[in-house]
Amino acid sequence: MRCPLCADKRTQPYHTDQRRDYRQCCNCRLVFVPKEQHLNDAQEKAEYDLHQNHIEDPGYRAFLSRLFLPMTAKLPPPAEGLDFGCGPGPALARMFEEDGYKMQVYDKFYANNTGVLARQYDFISCTEVVEHLSQPGETLDSLFALIKPGGWLGVMTKLVIEKTAFARWHYKNDLTHINFFSRETFEYLANHWGCGLEFVGKDVILMQKHQ
C-alpha cells in the first residue's frame, strides 16, 4: 500500500479502532487511513455542512489568528494570497483583506473556482485542510508550485506525537480526517521541496520557498 504523500511502498500498521485502520509510512512518517475507508464526497460534505464557523465569530477568528499572526509577520500587505480549503465561511481570507492583503479563495465544495489555481501567489494558507486531502502528495506539490520565490505556505493541523497518544487522540475520530502529519512529515516535505521550515506553537507550520 503506497503512501499517499510520498508514494513509498514501505508502510506498516500503526493503529486500529472500531471504525478505521491507520498505517504509517516508513519514509515520510505520514499516518493515513486506507483509501477504501474514506468517506465519499457526499458524506464528506454533509459533515462539513454541520460546522458552525461564521466569518464574524470572534472565537473562530481567535483560533485562525494562530496562523494569521505569524503569516502577517512574514509578509506585509498588499501581498496577494490564496486561502486553500476556505470552507463555507472564508473568515481567514476576510481577516487578511481587512489588513490590506489581496485574497483569493478555493474550496472543493464551497468555492470550486479552479481558475485561482492557475496563477501564483505571495502566500497560501491551509487551515485545518491537509488532514482532509485524499491525494496529499499531488495536492501539496501543486500548491507549492503556485507560490512565488520567497513566498510562504502556512499550514495549521494537529501533529502526531506517538502511538500511545494517537490511540486516545480525539483528532483521529473525525471521519473526514484521513492524514495525520508529524514534525518528521513536514521535515520530509521541506527536504522534498528544498524550502525553509518553521514550527510555530503546536499546530502551525510555515514553509518558505527559496528565492
C-alpha atoms as a PDB file:
ATOM      1  CA  MET A   1       0.000   0.000   0.000  1.00  0.00           C
ATOM      2  CA  ARG A   2       1.665   3.188  -1.221  1.00  0.00           C
ATOM      3  CA  CYS A   3       1.897   6.276   0.948  1.00  0.00           C
ATOM      4  CA  PRO A   4      -0.480   8.967  -0.409  1.00  0.00           C
ATOM      5  CA  LEU A   5       2.086  11.683   0.355  1.00  0.00           C
ATOM      6  CA  CYS A   6       5.441  10.369  -0.878  1.00  0.00           C
ATOM      7  CA  ALA A   7       4.295   7.228  -2.783  1.00  0.00           C
ATOM      8  CA  ASP A   8       6.722   5.000  -0.892  1.00  0.00           C
ATOM      9  CA  LYS A   9       5.629   1.358  -0.726  1.00  0.00           C
ATOM     10  CA  ARG A  10       7.073   0.861   2.751  1.00  0.00           C
ATOM     11  CA  THR A  11       4.060   1.367   5.018  1.00  0.00           C
ATOM     12  CA  GLN A  12       3.089  -0.511   8.149  1.00  0.00           C
ATOM     13  CA  PRO A  13       0.118  -0.843  10.524  1.00  0.00           C
ATOM     14  CA  TYR A  14       0.046   1.963  13.086  1.00  0.00           C
ATOM     15  CA  HIS A  15      -3.318   1.731  14.897  1.00  0.00           C
ATOM     16  CA  THR A  16      -6.790   0.219  14.530  1.00  0.00           C
ATOM     17  CA  ASP A  17     -10.043   1.255  16.176  1.00  0.00           C
ATOM     18  CA  GLN A  18     -13.664   0.204  15.765  1.00  0.00           C
ATOM     19  CA  ARG A  19     -14.153   2.270  12.620  1.00  0.00           C
ATOM     20  CA  ARG A  20     -10.871   2.507  10.743  1.00  0.00           C
ATOM     21  CA  ASP A  21      -7.327   1.311  10.231  1.00  0.00           C
ATOM     22  CA  TYR A  22      -4.324   3.619  10.249  1.00  0.00           C
ATOM     23  CA  ARG A  23      -0.986   2.987   8.571  1.00  0.00           C
ATOM     24  CA  GLN A  24       2.315   4.855   8.763  1.00  0.00           C
ATOM     25  CA  CYS A  25       4.804   5.493   6.006  1.00  0.00           C
ATOM     26  CA  CYS A  26       8.337   4.381   6.872  1.00  0.00           C
ATOM     27  CA  ASN A  27       9.765   7.166   4.698  1.00  0.00           C
ATOM     28  CA  CYS A  28       7.852  10.412   5.398  1.00  0.00           C
ATOM     29  CA  ARG A  29       6.149   9.195   8.616  1.00  0.00           C
ATOM     30  CA  LEU A  30       2.670  10.224   7.493  1.00  0.00           C
ATOM     31  CA  VAL A  31      -0.093   8.322   9.288  1.00  0.00           C
ATOM     32  CA  PHE A  32      -3.006   7.722   6.931  1.00  0.00           C
ATOM     33  CA  VAL A  33      -6.334   5.938   6.536  1.00  0.00           C
ATOM     34  CA  PRO A  34      -6.502   3.493   3.593  1.00  0.00           C
ATOM     35  CA  LYS A  35      -8.460   4.860   0.633  1.00  0.00           C
ATOM     36  CA  GLU A  36     -11.181   2.211   0.793  1.00  0.00           C
ATOM     37  CA  GLN A  37     -12.136   3.545   4.245  1.00  0.00           C
ATOM     38  CA  HIS A  38     -12.587   7.175   3.139  1.00  0.00           C
ATOM     39  CA  LEU A  39     -15.990   8.849   3.089  1.00  0.00           C
ATOM     40  CA  ASN A  40     -17.427   9.591  -0.339  1.00  0.00           C
ATOM     41  CA  ASP A  41     -17.843  13.213  -1.440  1.00  0.00           C
ATOM     42  CA  ALA A  42     -21.480  13.441  -0.353  1.00  0.00           C
ATOM     43  CA  GLN A  43     -20.733  12.043   3.104  1.00  0.00           C
ATOM     44  CA  GLU A  44     -17.723  14.330   3.477  1.00  0.00           C
ATOM     45  CA  LYS A  45     -19.662  17.473   2.518  1.00  0.00           C
ATOM     46  CA  ALA A  46     -22.500  16.514   4.871  1.00  0.00           C
ATOM     47  CA  GLU A  47     -20.003  16.556   7.745  1.00  0.00           C
ATOM     48  CA  TYR A  48     -18.648  19.975   6.738  1.00  0.00           C
ATOM     49  CA  ASP A  49     -22.166  21.382   6.445  1.00  0.00           C
ATOM     50  CA  LEU A  50     -22.552  20.745  10.175  1.00  0.00           C
ATOM     51  CA  HIS A  51     -19.694  23.121  11.034  1.00  0.00           C
ATOM     52  CA  GLN A  52     -20.706  26.436  12.565  1.00  0.00           C
ATOM     53  CA  ASN A  53     -17.727  28.607  11.653  1.00  0.00           C
ATOM     54  CA  HIS A  54     -19.039  32.108  10.949  1.00  0.00           C
ATOM     55  CA  ILE A  55     -16.904  34.869   9.450  1.00  0.00           C
ATOM     56  CA  GLU A  56     -17.565  37.322  12.290  1.00  0.00           C
ATOM     57  CA  ASP A  57     -17.326  34.802  15.151  1.00  0.00           C
ATOM     58  CA  PRO A  58     -14.627  36.214  17.500  1.00  0.00           C
ATOM     59  CA  GLY A  59     -13.792  32.765  18.850  1.00  0.00           C
ATOM     60  CA  TYR A  60     -13.223  31.385  15.356  1.00  0.00           C
ATOM     61  CA  ARG A  61     -11.124  34.425  14.457  1.00  0.00           C
ATOM     62  CA  ALA A  62      -9.006  33.915  17.576  1.00  0.00           C
ATOM     63  CA  PHE A  63      -8.445  30.311  16.502  1.00  0.00           C
ATOM     64  CA  LEU A  64      -7.400  31.393  12.983  1.00  0.00           C
ATOM     65  CA  SER A  65      -5.088  34.023  14.455  1.00  0.00           C
ATOM     66  CA  ARG A  66      -2.685  31.252  15.373  1.00  0.00           C
ATOM     67  CA  LEU A  67      -1.820  31.160  11.665  1.00  0.00           C
ATOM     68  CA  PHE A  68      -2.826  34.690  10.669  1.00  0.00           C
ATOM     69  CA  LEU A  69      -0.448  36.500  13.033  1.00  0.00           C
ATOM     70  CA  PRO A  70       2.777  34.634  12.157  1.00  0.00           C
ATOM     71  CA  MET A  71       1.921  34.848   8.448  1.00  0.00           C
ATOM     72  CA  THR A  72       1.352  38.604   8.532  1.00  0.00           C
ATOM     73  CA  ALA A  73       4.631  38.986  10.407  1.00  0.00           C
ATOM     74  CA  LYS A  74       6.397  37.398   7.418  1.00  0.00           C
ATOM     75  CA  LEU A  75       4.621  39.245   4.615  1.00  0.00           C
ATOM     76  CA  PRO A  76       3.484  42.897   4.718  1.00  0.00           C
ATOM     77  CA  PRO A  77       0.390  43.985   2.760  1.00  0.00           C
ATOM     78  CA  PRO A  78      -0.543  44.275  -0.052  1.00  0.00           C
ATOM     79  CA  ALA A  79       0.873  40.781  -0.642  1.00  0.00           C
ATOM     80  CA  GLU A  80      -1.528  38.504  -2.519  1.00  0.00           C
ATOM     81  CA  GLY A  81      -2.607  35.189  -1.042  1.00  0.00           C
ATOM     82  CA  LEU A  82      -4.789  32.162  -1.609  1.00  0.00           C
ATOM     83  CA  ASP A  83      -6.800  30.620   1.199  1.00  0.00           C
ATOM     84  CA  PHE A  84      -6.987  26.979   0.091  1.00  0.00           C
ATOM     85  CA  GLY A  85      -9.819  24.982   1.650  1.00  0.00           C
ATOM     86  CA  CYS A  86     -11.617  28.092   2.883  1.00  0.00           C
ATOM     87  CA  GLY A  87     -14.864  26.304   3.793  1.00  0.00           C
ATOM     88  CA  PRO A  88     -18.340  27.862   3.618  1.00  0.00           C
ATOM     89  CA  GLY A  89     -17.312  30.895   5.691  1.00  0.00           C
ATOM     90  CA  PRO A  90     -13.917  32.219   4.481  1.00  0.00           C
ATOM     91  CA  ALA A  91     -13.073  34.020   7.708  1.00  0.00           C
ATOM     92  CA  LEU A  92      -9.298  33.849   7.289  1.00  0.00           C
ATOM     93  CA  ALA A  93      -9.454  35.458   3.844  1.00  0.00           C
ATOM     94  CA  ARG A  94     -11.635  38.203   5.323  1.00  0.00           C
ATOM     95  CA  MET A  95      -9.088  38.786   8.101  1.00  0.00           C
ATOM     96  CA  PHE A  96      -6.300  39.173   5.539  1.00  0.00           C
ATOM     97  CA  GLU A  97      -8.414  41.515   3.401  1.00  0.00           C
ATOM     98  CA  GLU A  98      -9.235  43.689   6.408  1.00  0.00           C
ATOM     99  CA  ASP A  99      -5.481  44.041   6.954  1.00  0.00           C
ATOM    100  CA  GLY A 100      -4.859  45.185   3.373  1.00  0.00           C
ATOM    101  CA  TYR A 101      -3.971  41.914   1.638  1.00  0.00           C
ATOM    102  CA  LYS A 102      -5.350  40.812  -1.729  1.00  0.00           C
ATOM    103  CA  MET A 103      -7.014  37.403  -1.413  1.00  0.00           C
ATOM    104  CA  GLN A 104      -8.436  34.593  -3.494  1.00  0.00           C
ATOM    105  CA  VAL A 105     -10.219  31.556  -2.066  1.00  0.00           C
ATOM    106  CA  TYR A 106     -10.649  27.960  -3.138  1.00  0.00           C
ATOM    107  CA  ASP A 107     -12.618  25.080  -1.697  1.00  0.00           C
ATOM    108  CA  LYS A 108     -13.564  21.795  -3.328  1.00  0.00           C
ATOM    109  CA  PHE A 109     -17.141  22.058  -2.074  1.00  0.00           C
ATOM    110  CA  TYR A 110     -17.817  25.747  -1.380  1.00  0.00           C
ATOM    111  CA  ALA A 111     -15.643  27.792  -3.752  1.00  0.00           C
ATOM    112  CA  ASN A 112     -14.688  25.485  -6.598  1.00  0.00           C
ATOM    113  CA  ASN A 113     -13.164  28.082  -8.899  1.00  0.00           C
ATOM    114  CA  THR A 114     -10.225  26.250 -10.424  1.00  0.00           C
ATOM    115  CA  GLY A 115      -9.106  29.428 -12.178  1.00  0.00           C
ATOM    116  CA  VAL A 116      -7.473  30.606  -8.953  1.00  0.00           C
ATOM    117  CA  LEU A 117      -5.223  27.528  -9.125  1.00  0.00           C
ATOM    118  CA  ALA A 118      -3.672  28.718 -12.379  1.00  0.00           C
ATOM    119  CA  ARG A 119      -1.706  31.694 -11.059  1.00  0.00           C
ATOM    120  CA  GLN A 120       0.994  32.445  -8.489  1.00  0.00           C
ATOM    121  CA  TYR A 121       0.783  33.963  -5.011  1.00  0.00           C
ATOM    122  CA  ASP A 122       2.974  35.525  -2.367  1.00  0.00           C
ATOM    123  CA  PHE A 123       1.476  33.109   0.163  1.00  0.00           C
ATOM    124  CA  ILE A 124      -1.001  30.267   0.516  1.00  0.00           C
ATOM    125  CA  SER A 125      -2.827  29.431   3.739  1.00  0.00           C
ATOM    126  CA  CYS A 126      -4.259  25.998   4.608  1.00  0.00           C
ATOM    127  CA  THR A 127      -6.010  25.943   7.966  1.00  0.00           C
ATOM    128  CA  GLU A 128      -7.302  22.530   9.042  1.00  0.00           C
ATOM    129  CA  VAL A 129      -7.106  21.287   5.434  1.00  0.00           C
ATOM    130  CA  VAL A 130      -4.180  18.910   4.894  1.00  0.00           C
ATOM    131  CA  GLU A 131      -5.699  16.239   7.137  1.00  0.00           C
ATOM    132  CA  HIS A 132      -8.648  16.008   4.697  1.00  0.00           C
ATOM    133  CA  LEU A 133      -6.743  15.601   1.408  1.00  0.00           C
ATOM    134  CA  SER A 134      -7.334  12.339  -0.455  1.00  0.00           C
ATOM    135  CA  GLN A 135      -4.168  12.852  -2.511  1.00  0.00           C
ATOM    136  CA  PRO A 136      -1.935  14.942  -0.247  1.00  0.00           C
ATOM    137  CA  GLY A 137       1.250  14.453  -2.249  1.00  0.00           C
ATOM    138  CA  GLU A 138      -0.226  15.582  -5.547  1.00  0.00           C
ATOM    139  CA  THR A 139      -2.252  18.412  -3.996  1.00  0.00           C
ATOM    140  CA  LEU A 140       0.556  19.868  -1.884  1.00  0.00           C
ATOM    141  CA  ASP A 141       3.090  19.667  -4.732  1.00  0.00           C
ATOM    142  CA  SER A 142       0.620  21.562  -6.934  1.00  0.00           C
ATOM    143  CA  LEU A 143       0.026  24.194  -4.259  1.00  0.00           C
ATOM    144  CA  PHE A 144       3.702  24.763  -3.552  1.00  0.00           C
ATOM    145  CA  ALA A 145       4.262  25.322  -7.284  1.00  0.00           C
ATOM    146  CA  LEU A 146       1.824  28.271  -7.087  1.00  0.00           C
ATOM    147  CA  ILE A 147       3.986  30.119  -4.539  1.00  0.00           C
ATOM    148  CA  LYS A 148       6.338  32.791  -5.837  1.00  0.00           C
ATOM    149  CA  PRO A 149      10.041  32.579  -4.942  1.00  0.00           C
ATOM    150  CA  GLY A 150      10.449  33.896  -1.409  1.00  0.00           C
ATOM    151  CA  GLY A 151       6.758  33.257  -0.667  1.00  0.00           C
ATOM    152  CA  TRP A 152       5.215  31.218   2.124  1.00  0.00           C
ATOM    153  CA  LEU A 153       2.942  28.248   2.679  1.00  0.00           C
ATOM    154  CA  GLY A 154       1.178  28.378   6.039  1.00  0.00           C
ATOM    155  CA  VAL A 155      -0.405  25.201   7.401  1.00  0.00           C
ATOM    156  CA  MET A 156      -2.451  24.608  10.530  1.00  0.00           C
ATOM    157  CA  THR A 157      -3.012  20.981  11.555  1.00  0.00           C
ATOM    158  CA  LYS A 158      -2.665  18.924  14.717  1.00  0.00           C
ATOM    159  CA  LEU A 159       0.525  16.852  14.792  1.00  0.00           C
ATOM    160  CA  VAL A 160       1.049  13.177  15.550  1.00  0.00           C
ATOM    161  CA  ILE A 161       3.302  12.670  18.570  1.00  0.00           C
ATOM    162  CA  GLU A 162       3.487   8.918  19.155  1.00  0.00           C
ATOM    163  CA  LYS A 163       1.338   5.756  19.173  1.00  0.00           C
ATOM    164  CA  THR A 164       0.064   5.850  22.744  1.00  0.00           C
ATOM    165  CA  ALA A 165      -1.146   9.423  22.406  1.00  0.00           C
ATOM    166  CA  PHE A 166      -2.619   8.651  18.983  1.00  0.00           C
ATOM    167  CA  ALA A 167      -4.766   5.852  20.399  1.00  0.00           C
ATOM    168  CA  ARG A 168      -6.634   8.282  22.658  1.00  0.00           C
ATOM    169  CA  TRP A 169      -6.433  11.299  20.316  1.00  0.00           C
ATOM    170  CA  HIS A 170      -9.830  12.918  19.579  1.00  0.00           C
ATOM    171  CA  TYR A 171      -8.479  14.352  16.319  1.00  0.00           C
ATOM    172  CA  LYS A 172      -8.445  10.951  14.632  1.00  0.00           C
ATOM    173  CA  ASN A 173     -12.136  10.381  15.440  1.00  0.00           C
ATOM    174  CA  ASP A 174     -13.331  12.850  12.815  1.00  0.00           C
ATOM    175  CA  LEU A 175     -14.044  10.607   9.811  1.00  0.00           C
ATOM    176  CA  THR A 176     -13.098  13.409   7.408  1.00  0.00           C
ATOM    177  CA  HIS A 177      -9.558  13.343   8.839  1.00  0.00           C
ATOM    178  CA  ILE A 178      -7.606  10.836   6.744  1.00  0.00           C
ATOM    179  CA  ASN A 179      -3.989  12.119   7.016  1.00  0.00           C
ATOM    180  CA  PHE A 180      -2.053  12.845  10.168  1.00  0.00           C
ATOM    181  CA  PHE A 181       1.217  14.729   9.862  1.00  0.00           C
ATOM    182  CA  SER A 182       4.115  14.861  12.310  1.00  0.00           C
ATOM    183  CA  ARG A 183       7.125  17.142  12.578  1.00  0.00           C
ATOM    184  CA  GLU A 184       9.057  14.457  10.679  1.00  0.00           C
ATOM    185  CA  THR A 185       6.493  14.587   7.875  1.00  0.00           C
ATOM    186  CA  PHE A 186       6.940  18.319   7.431  1.00  0.00           C
ATOM    187  CA  GLU A 187      10.707  17.883   7.587  1.00  0.00           C
ATOM    188  CA  TYR A 188      10.337  15.390   4.728  1.00  0.00           C
ATOM    189  CA  LEU A 189       8.320  17.977   2.739  1.00  0.00           C
ATOM    190  CA  ALA A 190      10.858  20.722   3.412  1.00  0.00           C
ATOM    191  CA  ASN A 191      13.615  18.464   2.107  1.00  0.00           C
ATOM    192  CA  HIS A 192      11.477  17.379  -0.855  1.00  0.00           C
ATOM    193  CA  TRP A 193      10.801  20.993  -1.855  1.00  0.00           C
ATOM    194  CA  GLY A 194      14.163  22.388  -0.742  1.00  0.00           C
ATOM    195  CA  CYS A 195      12.433  25.065   1.332  1.00  0.00           C
ATOM    196  CA  GLY A 196      12.653  26.703   4.737  1.00  0.00           C
ATOM    197  CA  LEU A 197      10.641  25.308   7.629  1.00  0.00           C
ATOM    198  CA  GLU A 198       9.404  26.825  10.893  1.00  0.00           C
ATOM    199  CA  PHE A 199       7.145  25.361  13.578  1.00  0.00           C
ATOM    200  CA  VAL A 200       5.037  27.911  15.478  1.00  0.00           C
ATOM    201  CA  GLY A 201       3.411  26.561  18.614  1.00  0.00           C
ATOM    202  CA  LYS A 202       1.883  23.091  18.499  1.00  0.00           C
ATOM    203  CA  ASP A 203      -0.050  23.204  15.249  1.00  0.00           C
ATOM    204  CA  VAL A 204       1.231  25.890  12.857  1.00  0.00           C
ATOM    205  CA  ILE A 205       3.848  25.196  10.216  1.00  0.00           C
ATOM    206  CA  LEU A 206       5.398  27.827   7.956  1.00  0.00           C
ATOM    207  CA  MET A 207       7.361  26.858   4.828  1.00  0.00           C
ATOM    208  CA  GLN A 208       9.220  29.377   2.658  1.00  0.00           C
ATOM    209  CA  LYS A 209      10.111  28.830  -0.976  1.00  0.00           C
ATOM    210  CA  HIS A 210      13.707  29.832  -1.597  1.00  0.00           C
ATOM    211  CA  GLN A 211      14.454  32.779  -3.876  1.00  0.00           C
END
